[in-house]
Amino acid sequence: LLMAGIILVAGAKDTSAIQAKLDELIRAVDEADDHLIGI
């Protein structure tokens, strides 16, 4: 149970970091649809 929790927390952190990076890329590209930020 502890290992499952550790894996879930670490995975959620990684997913949040990736999502933040993707949101920044969407902001940087002029042709990108800003509605996708925070999807």
Full PDB file with SEQRES, HELIX, SHEET, SSBOND, CRYST1, ORIGX, SCALE, CONECT and MASTER records, all heavy atoms in Angstrom:
SEQRES   1 A   39  LEU LEU MET ALA GLY ILE ILE LEU VAL ALA GLY ALA LYS          
SEQRES   2 A   39  ASP THR SER ALA ILE GLN ALA LYS LEU ASP GLU LEU ILE          
SEQRES   3 A   39  ARG ALA VAL ASP GLU ALA ASP ASP HIS LEU ILE GLY ILE          
HELIX    1 AA1 LEU A    2  ALA A   28  1                                  27    
HELIX    2 AA2 ASP A   34  LEU A   36  5                                   3    
CRYST1    1.000    1.000    1.000  90.00  90.00  90.00 P 1           1          
ORIGX1      1.000000  0.000000  0.000000        0.00000                         
ORIGX2      0.000000  1.000000  0.000000        0.00000                         
ORIGX3      0.000000  0.000000  1.000000        0.00000                         
SCALE1      1.000000  0.000000  0.000000        0.00000                         
SCALE2      0.000000  1.000000  0.000000        0.00000                         
SCALE3      0.000000  0.000000  1.000000        0.00000                         
ATOM      1  N   LEU A   1       0.829  -1.214   0.000  1.00  0.00           N  
ATOM      2  CA  LEU A   1       0.000   0.000   0.000  1.00  0.00           C  
ATOM      3  C   LEU A   1       0.860   1.259   0.000  1.00  0.00           C  
ATOM      4  O   LEU A   1       0.569   2.221  -0.712  1.00  0.00           O  
ATOM      5  CB  LEU A   1      -0.938  -0.001   1.208  1.00  0.00           C  
ATOM      6  CG  LEU A   1      -2.110  -0.970   1.121  1.00  0.00           C  
ATOM      7  CD1 LEU A   1      -2.848  -1.027   2.456  1.00  0.00           C  
ATOM      8  CD2 LEU A   1      -3.058  -0.556   0.019  1.00  0.00           C  
ATOM      9  N   LEU A   2       1.915   1.260   0.800  1.00  0.00           N  
ATOM     10  CA  LEU A   2       2.809   2.417   0.824  1.00  0.00           C  
ATOM     11  C   LEU A   2       3.497   2.625  -0.521  1.00  0.00           C  
ATOM     12  O   LEU A   2       3.619   3.752  -1.007  1.00  0.00           O  
ATOM     13  CB  LEU A   2       3.851   2.263   1.930  1.00  0.00           C  
ATOM     14  CG  LEU A   2       3.332   2.403   3.356  1.00  0.00           C  
ATOM     15  CD1 LEU A   2       4.435   2.066   4.359  1.00  0.00           C  
ATOM     16  CD2 LEU A   2       2.798   3.801   3.600  1.00  0.00           C  
ATOM     17  N   MET A   3       3.950   1.541  -1.133  1.00  0.00           N  
ATOM     18  CA  MET A   3       4.605   1.647  -2.441  1.00  0.00           C  
ATOM     19  C   MET A   3       3.630   2.159  -3.495  1.00  0.00           C  
ATOM     20  O   MET A   3       4.001   2.989  -4.333  1.00  0.00           O  
ATOM     21  CB  MET A   3       5.182   0.298  -2.868  1.00  0.00           C  
ATOM     22  CG  MET A   3       6.379  -0.136  -2.058  1.00  0.00           C  
ATOM     23  SD  MET A   3       7.744   1.012  -2.169  1.00  0.00           S  
ATOM     24  CE  MET A   3       8.174   0.827  -3.865  1.00  0.00           C  
ATOM     25  N   ALA A   4       2.392   1.683  -3.446  1.00  0.00           N  
ATOM     26  CA  ALA A   4       1.397   2.177  -4.407  1.00  0.00           C  
ATOM     27  C   ALA A   4       1.184   3.674  -4.225  1.00  0.00           C  
ATOM     28  O   ALA A   4       1.106   4.425  -5.202  1.00  0.00           O  
ATOM     29  CB  ALA A   4       0.084   1.418  -4.243  1.00  0.00           C  
ATOM     30  N   GLY A   5       1.102   4.118  -2.982  1.00  0.00           N  
ATOM     31  CA  GLY A   5       0.945   5.547  -2.711  1.00  0.00           C  
ATOM     32  C   GLY A   5       2.133   6.350  -3.200  1.00  0.00           C  
ATOM     33  O   GLY A   5       1.980   7.421  -3.796  1.00  0.00           O  
ATOM     34  N   ILE A   6       3.334   5.844  -2.957  1.00  0.00           N  
ATOM     35  CA  ILE A   6       4.548   6.530  -3.407  1.00  0.00           C  
ATOM     36  C   ILE A   6       4.569   6.639  -4.927  1.00  0.00           C  
ATOM     37  O   ILE A   6       4.870   7.695  -5.491  1.00  0.00           O  
ATOM     38  CB  ILE A   6       5.803   5.798  -2.890  1.00  0.00           C  
ATOM     39  CG1 ILE A   6       5.937   6.004  -1.376  1.00  0.00           C  
ATOM     40  CG2 ILE A   6       7.061   6.250  -3.607  1.00  0.00           C  
ATOM     41  CD1 ILE A   6       6.970   5.121  -0.729  1.00  0.00           C  
ATOM     42  N   ILE A   7       4.218   5.566  -5.599  1.00  0.00           N  
ATOM     43  CA  ILE A   7       4.200   5.578  -7.065  1.00  0.00           C  
ATOM     44  C   ILE A   7       3.149   6.554  -7.580  1.00  0.00           C  
ATOM     45  O   ILE A   7       3.405   7.308  -8.533  1.00  0.00           O  
ATOM     46  CB  ILE A   7       3.949   4.156  -7.601  1.00  0.00           C  
ATOM     47  CG1 ILE A   7       5.167   3.281  -7.327  1.00  0.00           C  
ATOM     48  CG2 ILE A   7       3.636   4.169  -9.092  1.00  0.00           C  
ATOM     49  CD1 ILE A   7       4.928   1.806  -7.530  1.00  0.00           C  
ATOM     50  N   LEU A   8       1.974   6.582  -6.959  1.00  0.00           N  
ATOM     51  CA  LEU A   8       0.920   7.504  -7.397  1.00  0.00           C  
ATOM     52  C   LEU A   8       1.326   8.955  -7.204  1.00  0.00           C  
ATOM     53  O   LEU A   8       1.101   9.804  -8.074  1.00  0.00           O  
ATOM     54  CB  LEU A   8      -0.384   7.211  -6.650  1.00  0.00           C  
ATOM     55  CG  LEU A   8      -1.115   5.954  -7.090  1.00  0.00           C  
ATOM     56  CD1 LEU A   8      -2.277   5.671  -6.137  1.00  0.00           C  
ATOM     57  CD2 LEU A   8      -1.623   6.105  -8.501  1.00  0.00           C  
ATOM     58  N   VAL A   9       1.921   9.277  -6.057  1.00  0.00           N  
ATOM     59  CA  VAL A   9       2.337  10.665  -5.793  1.00  0.00           C  
ATOM     60  C   VAL A   9       3.428  11.088  -6.781  1.00  0.00           C  
ATOM     61  O   VAL A   9       3.371  12.170  -7.369  1.00  0.00           O  
ATOM     62  CB  VAL A   9       2.816  10.834  -4.335  1.00  0.00           C  
ATOM     63  CG1 VAL A   9       3.510  12.157  -4.127  1.00  0.00           C  
ATOM     64  CG2 VAL A   9       1.631  10.707  -3.382  1.00  0.00           C  
ATOM     65  N   ALA A  10       4.426  10.220  -6.976  1.00  0.00           N  
ATOM     66  CA  ALA A  10       5.511  10.555  -7.907  1.00  0.00           C  
ATOM     67  C   ALA A  10       4.978  10.684  -9.337  1.00  0.00           C  
ATOM     68  O   ALA A  10       5.380  11.586 -10.079  1.00  0.00           O  
ATOM     69  CB  ALA A  10       6.603   9.491  -7.844  1.00  0.00           C  
ATOM     70  N   GLY A  11       4.059   9.804  -9.725  1.00  0.00           N  
ATOM     71  CA  GLY A  11       3.471   9.884 -11.059  1.00  0.00           C  
ATOM     72  C   GLY A  11       2.646  11.132 -11.263  1.00  0.00           C  
ATOM     73  O   GLY A  11       2.688  11.762 -12.327  1.00  0.00           O  
ATOM     74  N   ALA A  12       1.875  11.517 -10.243  1.00  0.00           N  
ATOM     75  CA  ALA A  12       1.066  12.736 -10.339  1.00  0.00           C  
ATOM     76  C   ALA A  12       1.958  13.968 -10.472  1.00  0.00           C  
ATOM     77  O   ALA A  12       1.658  14.889 -11.235  1.00  0.00           O  
ATOM     78  CB  ALA A  12       0.157  12.864  -9.123  1.00  0.00           C  
ATOM     79  N   LYS A  13       3.071  13.972  -9.755  1.00  0.00           N  
ATOM     80  CA  LYS A  13       4.006  15.100  -9.847  1.00  0.00           C  
ATOM     81  C   LYS A  13       4.598  15.183 -11.252  1.00  0.00           C  
ATOM     82  O   LYS A  13       4.668  16.256 -11.847  1.00  0.00           O  
ATOM     83  CB  LYS A  13       5.117  14.941  -8.817  1.00  0.00           C  
ATOM     84  CG  LYS A  13       6.115  16.062  -8.858  1.00  0.00           C  
ATOM     85  CD  LYS A  13       7.243  15.827  -7.892  1.00  0.00           C  
ATOM     86  CE  LYS A  13       8.290  16.897  -8.119  1.00  0.00           C  
ATOM     87  NZ  LYS A  13       9.598  16.462  -7.759  1.00  0.00           N  
ATOM     88  N   ASP A  14       5.011  14.045 -11.789  1.00  0.00           N  
ATOM     89  CA  ASP A  14       5.567  14.030 -13.144  1.00  0.00           C  
ATOM     90  C   ASP A  14       4.536  14.483 -14.174  1.00  0.00           C  
ATOM     91  O   ASP A  14       4.846  15.253 -15.078  1.00  0.00           O  
ATOM     92  CB  ASP A  14       6.067  12.633 -13.502  1.00  0.00           C  
ATOM     93  CG  ASP A  14       7.321  12.236 -12.750  1.00  0.00           C  
ATOM     94  OD1 ASP A  14       7.962  13.127 -12.169  1.00  0.00           O  
ATOM     95  OD2 ASP A  14       7.640  11.037 -12.743  1.00  0.00           O  
ATOM     96  N   THR A  15       3.302  14.011 -14.028  1.00  0.00           N  
ATOM     97  CA  THR A  15       2.240  14.394 -14.954  1.00  0.00           C  
ATOM     98  C   THR A  15       1.977  15.896 -14.890  1.00  0.00           C  
ATOM     99  O   THR A  15       1.801  16.543 -15.917  1.00  0.00           O  
ATOM    100  CB  THR A  15       0.952  13.610 -14.639  1.00  0.00           C  
ATOM    101  OG1 THR A  15       1.238  12.216 -14.768  1.00  0.00           O  
ATOM    102  CG2 THR A  15      -0.167  13.980 -15.587  1.00  0.00           C  
ATOM    103  N   SER A  16       1.955  16.457 -13.682  1.00  0.00           N  
ATOM    104  CA  SER A  16       1.742  17.900 -13.541  1.00  0.00           C  
ATOM    105  C   SER A  16       2.868  18.695 -14.196  1.00  0.00           C  
ATOM    106  O   SER A  16       2.622  19.714 -14.845  1.00  0.00           O  
ATOM    107  CB  SER A  16       1.663  18.285 -12.067  1.00  0.00           C  
ATOM    108  OG  SER A  16       0.413  17.991 -11.551  1.00  0.00           O  
ATOM    109  N   ALA A  17       4.088  18.228 -14.012  1.00  0.00           N  
ATOM    110  CA  ALA A  17       5.228  18.929 -14.618  1.00  0.00           C  
ATOM    111  C   ALA A  17       5.149  18.878 -16.138  1.00  0.00           C  
ATOM    112  O   ALA A  17       5.373  19.896 -16.812  1.00  0.00           O  
ATOM    113  CB  ALA A  17       6.533  18.305 -14.134  1.00  0.00           C  
ATOM    114  N   ILE A  18       4.809  17.734 -16.678  1.00  0.00           N  
ATOM    115  CA  ILE A  18       4.682  17.608 -18.140  1.00  0.00           C  
ATOM    116  C   ILE A  18       3.559  18.502 -18.648  1.00  0.00           C  
ATOM    117  O   ILE A  18       3.705  19.177 -19.672  1.00  0.00           O  
ATOM    118  CB  ILE A  18       4.451  16.135 -18.535  1.00  0.00           C  
ATOM    119  CG1 ILE A  18       5.727  15.332 -18.298  1.00  0.00           C  
ATOM    120  CG2 ILE A  18       4.012  16.016 -19.986  1.00  0.00           C  
ATOM    121  CD1 ILE A  18       5.539  13.831 -18.405  1.00  0.00           C  
ATOM    122  N   GLN A  19       2.431  18.518 -17.937  1.00  0.00           N  
ATOM    123  CA  GLN A  19       1.305  19.351 -18.361  1.00  0.00           C  
ATOM    124  C   GLN A  19       1.676  20.837 -18.339  1.00  0.00           C  
ATOM    125  O   GLN A  19       1.307  21.584 -19.237  1.00  0.00           O  
ATOM    126  CB  GLN A  19       0.083  19.093 -17.476  1.00  0.00           C  
ATOM    127  CG  GLN A  19      -1.185  19.684 -18.024  1.00  0.00           C  
ATOM    128  CD  GLN A  19      -1.558  19.099 -19.371  1.00  0.00           C  
ATOM    129  OE1 GLN A  19      -1.509  17.890 -19.561  1.00  0.00           O  
ATOM    130  NE2 GLN A  19      -1.943  19.934 -20.307  1.00  0.00           N  
ATOM    131  N   ALA A  20       2.422  21.264 -17.321  1.00  0.00           N  
ATOM    132  CA  ALA A  20       2.858  22.664 -17.248  1.00  0.00           C  
ATOM    133  C   ALA A  20       3.772  23.008 -18.432  1.00  0.00           C  
ATOM    134  O   ALA A  20       3.662  24.089 -19.023  1.00  0.00           O  
ATOM    135  CB  ALA A  20       3.569  22.925 -15.930  1.00  0.00           C  
ATOM    136  N   LYS A  21       4.655  22.085 -18.779  1.00  0.00           N  
ATOM    137  CA  LYS A  21       5.544  22.311 -19.923  1.00  0.00           C  
ATOM    138  C   LYS A  21       4.747  22.388 -21.229  1.00  0.00           C  
ATOM    139  O   LYS A  21       5.015  23.245 -22.075  1.00  0.00           O  
ATOM    140  CB  LYS A  21       6.587  21.202 -20.015  1.00  0.00           C  
ATOM    141  CG  LYS A  21       7.593  21.235 -18.882  1.00  0.00           C  
ATOM    142  CD  LYS A  21       8.522  20.038 -18.948  1.00  0.00           C  
ATOM    143  CE  LYS A  21       9.463  20.015 -17.778  1.00  0.00           C  
ATOM    144  NZ  LYS A  21      10.359  18.845 -17.805  1.00  0.00           N  
ATOM    145  N   LEU A  22       3.763  21.509 -21.386  1.00  0.00           N  
ATOM    146  CA  LEU A  22       2.935  21.536 -22.601  1.00  0.00           C  
ATOM    147  C   LEU A  22       2.127  22.839 -22.680  1.00  0.00           C  
ATOM    148  O   LEU A  22       1.997  23.431 -23.758  1.00  0.00           O  
ATOM    149  CB  LEU A  22       2.005  20.331 -22.633  1.00  0.00           C  
ATOM    150  CG  LEU A  22       2.679  18.977 -22.878  1.00  0.00           C  
ATOM    151  CD1 LEU A  22       1.675  17.845 -22.702  1.00  0.00           C  
ATOM    152  CD2 LEU A  22       3.314  18.936 -24.247  1.00  0.00           C  
ATOM    153  N   ASP A  23       1.596  23.288 -21.540  1.00  0.00           N  
ATOM    154  CA  ASP A  23       0.861  24.552 -21.524  1.00  0.00           C  
ATOM    155  C   ASP A  23       1.762  25.712 -21.959  1.00  0.00           C  
ATOM    156  O   ASP A  23       1.349  26.593 -22.710  1.00  0.00           O  
ATOM    157  CB  ASP A  23       0.279  24.829 -20.139  1.00  0.00           C  
ATOM    158  CG  ASP A  23      -0.897  23.939 -19.799  1.00  0.00           C  
ATOM    159  OD1 ASP A  23      -1.416  23.252 -20.709  1.00  0.00           O  
ATOM    160  OD2 ASP A  23      -1.306  23.922 -18.623  1.00  0.00           O  
ATOM    161  N   GLU A  24       3.003  25.690 -21.500  1.00  0.00           N  
ATOM    162  CA  GLU A  24       3.944  26.742 -21.886  1.00  0.00           C  
ATOM    163  C   GLU A  24       4.251  26.690 -23.376  1.00  0.00           C  
ATOM    164  O   GLU A  24       4.350  27.722 -24.038  1.00  0.00           O  
ATOM    165  CB  GLU A  24       5.234  26.613 -21.071  1.00  0.00           C  
ATOM    166  CG  GLU A  24       6.228  27.718 -21.336  1.00  0.00           C  
ATOM    167  CD  GLU A  24       5.705  29.109 -20.998  1.00  0.00           C  
ATOM    168  OE1 GLU A  24       4.810  29.244 -20.151  1.00  0.00           O  
ATOM    169  OE2 GLU A  24       6.208  30.079 -21.604  1.00  0.00           O  
ATOM    170  N   LEU A  25       4.352  25.495 -23.929  1.00  0.00           N  
ATOM    171  CA  LEU A  25       4.579  25.368 -25.374  1.00  0.00           C  
ATOM    172  C   LEU A  25       3.384  25.898 -26.162  1.00  0.00           C  
ATOM    173  O   LEU A  25       3.554  26.544 -27.202  1.00  0.00           O  
ATOM    174  CB  LEU A  25       4.849  23.911 -25.748  1.00  0.00           C  
ATOM    175  CG  LEU A  25       6.209  23.359 -25.326  1.00  0.00           C  
ATOM    176  CD1 LEU A  25       6.288  21.868 -25.589  1.00  0.00           C  
ATOM    177  CD2 LEU A  25       7.316  24.097 -26.053  1.00  0.00           C  
ATOM    178  N   ILE A  26       2.185  25.640 -25.681  1.00  0.00           N  
ATOM    179  CA  ILE A  26       0.987  26.154 -26.356  1.00  0.00           C  
ATOM    180  C   ILE A  26       0.995  27.681 -26.334  1.00  0.00           C  
ATOM    181  O   ILE A  26       0.672  28.325 -27.329  1.00  0.00           O  
ATOM    182  CB  ILE A  26      -0.296  25.602 -25.684  1.00  0.00           C  
ATOM    183  CG1 ILE A  26      -0.412  24.104 -25.953  1.00  0.00           C  
ATOM    184  CG2 ILE A  26      -1.534  26.331 -26.200  1.00  0.00           C  
ATOM    185  CD1 ILE A  26      -1.497  23.417 -25.147  1.00  0.00           C  
ATOM    186  N   ARG A  27       1.385  28.253 -25.198  1.00  0.00           N  
ATOM    187  CA  ARG A  27       1.454  29.727 -25.106  1.00  0.00           C  
ATOM    188  C   ARG A  27       2.497  30.294 -26.071  1.00  0.00           C  
ATOM    189  O   ARG A  27       2.333  31.378 -26.613  1.00  0.00           O  
ATOM    190  CB  ARG A  27       1.798  30.148 -23.679  1.00  0.00           C  
ATOM    191  CG  ARG A  27       0.675  30.056 -22.716  1.00  0.00           C  
ATOM    192  CD  ARG A  27       1.076  30.645 -21.345  1.00  0.00           C  
ATOM    193  NE  ARG A  27       0.193  30.163 -20.331  1.00  0.00           N  
ATOM    194  CZ  ARG A  27       0.417  29.106 -19.542  1.00  0.00           C  
ATOM    195  NH1 ARG A  27       1.535  28.443 -19.645  1.00  0.00           N  
ATOM    196  NH2 ARG A  27      -0.469  28.721 -18.653  1.00  0.00           N  
ATOM    197  N   ALA A  28       3.589  29.546 -26.286  1.00  0.00           N  
ATOM    198  CA  ALA A  28       4.698  30.047 -27.097  1.00  0.00           C  
ATOM    199  C   ALA A  28       4.413  29.981 -28.598  1.00  0.00           C  
ATOM    200  O   ALA A  28       4.966  30.769 -29.366  1.00  0.00           O  
ATOM    201  CB  ALA A  28       5.973  29.261 -26.785  1.00  0.00           C  
ATOM    202  N   VAL A  29       3.551  29.079 -29.022  1.00  0.00           N  
ATOM    203  CA  VAL A  29       3.262  28.912 -30.451  1.00  0.00           C  
ATOM    204  C   VAL A  29       2.067  29.789 -30.814  1.00  0.00           C  
ATOM    205  O   VAL A  29       0.982  29.649 -30.248  1.00  0.00           O  
ATOM    206  CB  VAL A  29       2.982  27.429 -30.787  1.00  0.00           C  
ATOM    207  CG1 VAL A  29       2.594  27.263 -32.235  1.00  0.00           C  
ATOM    208  CG2 VAL A  29       4.193  26.577 -30.447  1.00  0.00           C  
ATOM    209  N   ASP A  30       2.279  30.691 -31.763  1.00  0.00           N  
ATOM    210  CA  ASP A  30       1.227  31.640 -32.131  1.00  0.00           C  
ATOM    211  C   ASP A  30      -0.005  30.959 -32.724  1.00  0.00           C  
ATOM    212  O   ASP A  30      -1.123  31.367 -32.465  1.00  0.00           O  
ATOM    213  CB  ASP A  30       1.768  32.666 -33.140  1.00  0.00           C  
ATOM    214  CG  ASP A  30       2.791  33.590 -32.513  1.00  0.00           C  
ATOM    215  OD1 ASP A  30       2.735  33.781 -31.284  1.00  0.00           O  
ATOM    216  OD2 ASP A  30       3.649  34.099 -33.251  1.00  0.00           O  
ATOM    217  N   GLU A  31       0.185  29.918 -33.525  1.00  0.00           N  
ATOM    218  CA  GLU A  31      -0.942  29.266 -34.188  1.00  0.00           C  
ATOM    219  C   GLU A  31      -1.712  28.297 -33.286  1.00  0.00           C  
ATOM    220  O   GLU A  31      -2.759  27.797 -33.650  1.00  0.00           O  
ATOM    221  CB  GLU A  31      -0.461  28.484 -35.426  1.00  0.00           C  
ATOM    222  CG  GLU A  31       0.147  29.338 -36.515  1.00  0.00           C  
ATOM    223  CD  GLU A  31       1.629  29.607 -36.259  1.00  0.00           C  
ATOM    224  OE1 GLU A  31       2.287  28.813 -35.560  1.00  0.00           O  
ATOM    225  OE2 GLU A  31       2.122  30.631 -36.743  1.00  0.00           O  
ATOM    226  N   ALA A  32      -1.172  28.016 -32.089  1.00  0.00           N  
ATOM    227  CA  ALA A  32      -1.805  27.038 -31.196  1.00  0.00           C  
ATOM    228  C   ALA A  32      -3.095  27.605 -30.611  1.00  0.00           C  
ATOM    229  O   ALA A  32      -3.262  28.813 -30.446  1.00  0.00           O  
ATOM    230  CB  ALA A  32      -0.853  26.660 -30.075  1.00  0.00           C  
ATOM    231  N   ASP A  33      -4.026  26.722 -30.320  1.00  0.00           N  
ATOM    232  CA  ASP A  33      -5.320  27.090 -29.740  1.00  0.00           C  
ATOM    233  C   ASP A  33      -5.156  27.266 -28.229  1.00  0.00           C  
ATOM    234  O   ASP A  33      -4.890  26.298 -27.507  1.00  0.00           O  
ATOM    235  CB  ASP A  33      -6.343  25.995 -30.043  1.00  0.00           C  
ATOM    236  CG  ASP A  33      -7.740  26.358 -29.603  1.00  0.00           C  
ATOM    237  OD1 ASP A  33      -7.932  27.477 -29.083  1.00  0.00           O  
ATOM    238  OD2 ASP A  33      -8.633  25.525 -29.795  1.00  0.00           O  
ATOM    239  N   ASP A  34      -5.307  28.498 -27.733  1.00  0.00           N  
ATOM    240  CA  ASP A  34      -5.141  28.777 -26.309  1.00  0.00           C  
ATOM    241  C   ASP A  34      -6.197  28.087 -25.444  1.00  0.00           C  
ATOM    242  O   ASP A  34      -6.031  27.978 -24.235  1.00  0.00           O  
ATOM    243  CB  ASP A  34      -5.181  30.286 -26.048  1.00  0.00           C  
ATOM    244  CG  ASP A  34      -3.935  30.981 -26.561  1.00  0.00           C  
ATOM    245  OD1 ASP A  34      -2.935  30.285 -26.820  1.00  0.00           O  
ATOM    246  OD2 ASP A  34      -3.965  32.214 -26.705  1.00  0.00           O  
ATOM    247  N   HIS A  35      -7.261  27.604 -26.049  1.00  0.00           N  
ATOM    248  CA  HIS A  35      -8.300  26.917 -25.279  1.00  0.00           C  
ATOM    249  C   HIS A  35      -7.807  25.567 -24.745  1.00  0.00           C  
ATOM    250  O   HIS A  35      -8.426  24.983 -23.867  1.00  0.00           O  
ATOM    251  CB  HIS A  35      -9.556  26.708 -26.132  1.00  0.00           C  
ATOM    252  CG  HIS A  35     -10.253  27.990 -26.448  1.00  0.00           C  
ATOM    253  ND1 HIS A  35      -9.985  28.694 -27.603  1.00  0.00           N  
ATOM    254  CD2 HIS A  35     -11.169  28.697 -25.757  1.00  0.00           C  
ATOM    255  CE1 HIS A  35     -10.727  29.782 -27.608  1.00  0.00           C  
ATOM    256  NE2 HIS A  35     -11.456  29.815 -26.507  1.00  0.00           N  
ATOM    257  N   LEU A  36      -6.696  25.088 -25.298  1.00  0.00           N  
ATOM    258  CA  LEU A  36      -6.161  23.808 -24.846  1.00  0.00           C  
ATOM    259  C   LEU A  36      -5.334  23.932 -23.572  1.00  0.00           C  
ATOM    260  O   LEU A  36      -5.021  22.927 -22.933  1.00  0.00           O  
ATOM    261  CB  LEU A  36      -5.319  23.170 -25.952  1.00  0.00           C  
ATOM    262  CG  LEU A  36      -6.076  22.804 -27.226  1.00  0.00           C  
ATOM    263  CD1 LEU A  36      -5.117  22.250 -28.258  1.00  0.00           C  
ATOM    264  CD2 LEU A  36      -7.175  21.804 -26.924  1.00  0.00           C  
ATOM    265  N   ILE A  37      -5.003  25.153 -23.176  1.00  0.00           N  
ATOM    266  CA  ILE A  37      -4.247  25.352 -21.937  1.00  0.00           C  
ATOM    267  C   ILE A  37      -5.134  24.938 -20.761  1.00  0.00           C  
ATOM    268  O   ILE A  37      -6.272  25.359 -20.647  1.00  0.00           O  
ATOM    269  CB  ILE A  37      -3.785  26.816 -21.795  1.00  0.00           C  
ATOM    270  CG1 ILE A  37      -2.776  27.142 -22.898  1.00  0.00           C  
ATOM    271  CG2 ILE A  37      -3.178  27.059 -20.414  1.00  0.00           C  
ATOM    272  CD1 ILE A  37      -2.349  28.576 -22.937  1.00  0.00           C  
ATOM    273  N   GLY A  38      -4.598  24.109 -19.897  1.00  0.00           N  
ATOM    274  CA  GLY A  38      -5.337  23.647 -18.729  1.00  0.00           C  
ATOM    275  C   GLY A  38      -6.380  22.587 -19.034  1.00  0.00           C  
ATOM    276  O   GLY A  38      -7.266  22.329 -18.222  1.00  0.00           O  
ATOM    277  N   ILE A  39      -6.286  21.969 -20.188  1.00  0.00           N  
ATOM    278  CA  ILE A  39      -7.286  20.987 -20.603  1.00  0.00           C  
ATOM    279  C   ILE A  39      -7.314  19.783 -19.660  1.00  0.00           C  
ATOM    280  O   ILE A  39      -8.327  19.103 -19.533  1.00  0.00           O  
ATOM    281  CB  ILE A  39      -7.044  20.549 -22.059  1.00  0.00           C  
ATOM    282  CG1 ILE A  39      -8.285  19.856 -22.616  1.00  0.00           C  
ATOM    283  CG2 ILE A  39      -5.824  19.680 -22.167  1.00  0.00           C  
ATOM    284  CD1 ILE A  39      -8.219  19.626 -24.093  1.00  0.00           C  
TER     285      ILE A  39                                                      
MASTER        0    0    0    2    0    0    0    6  284    1    0    3          
END                                                                             
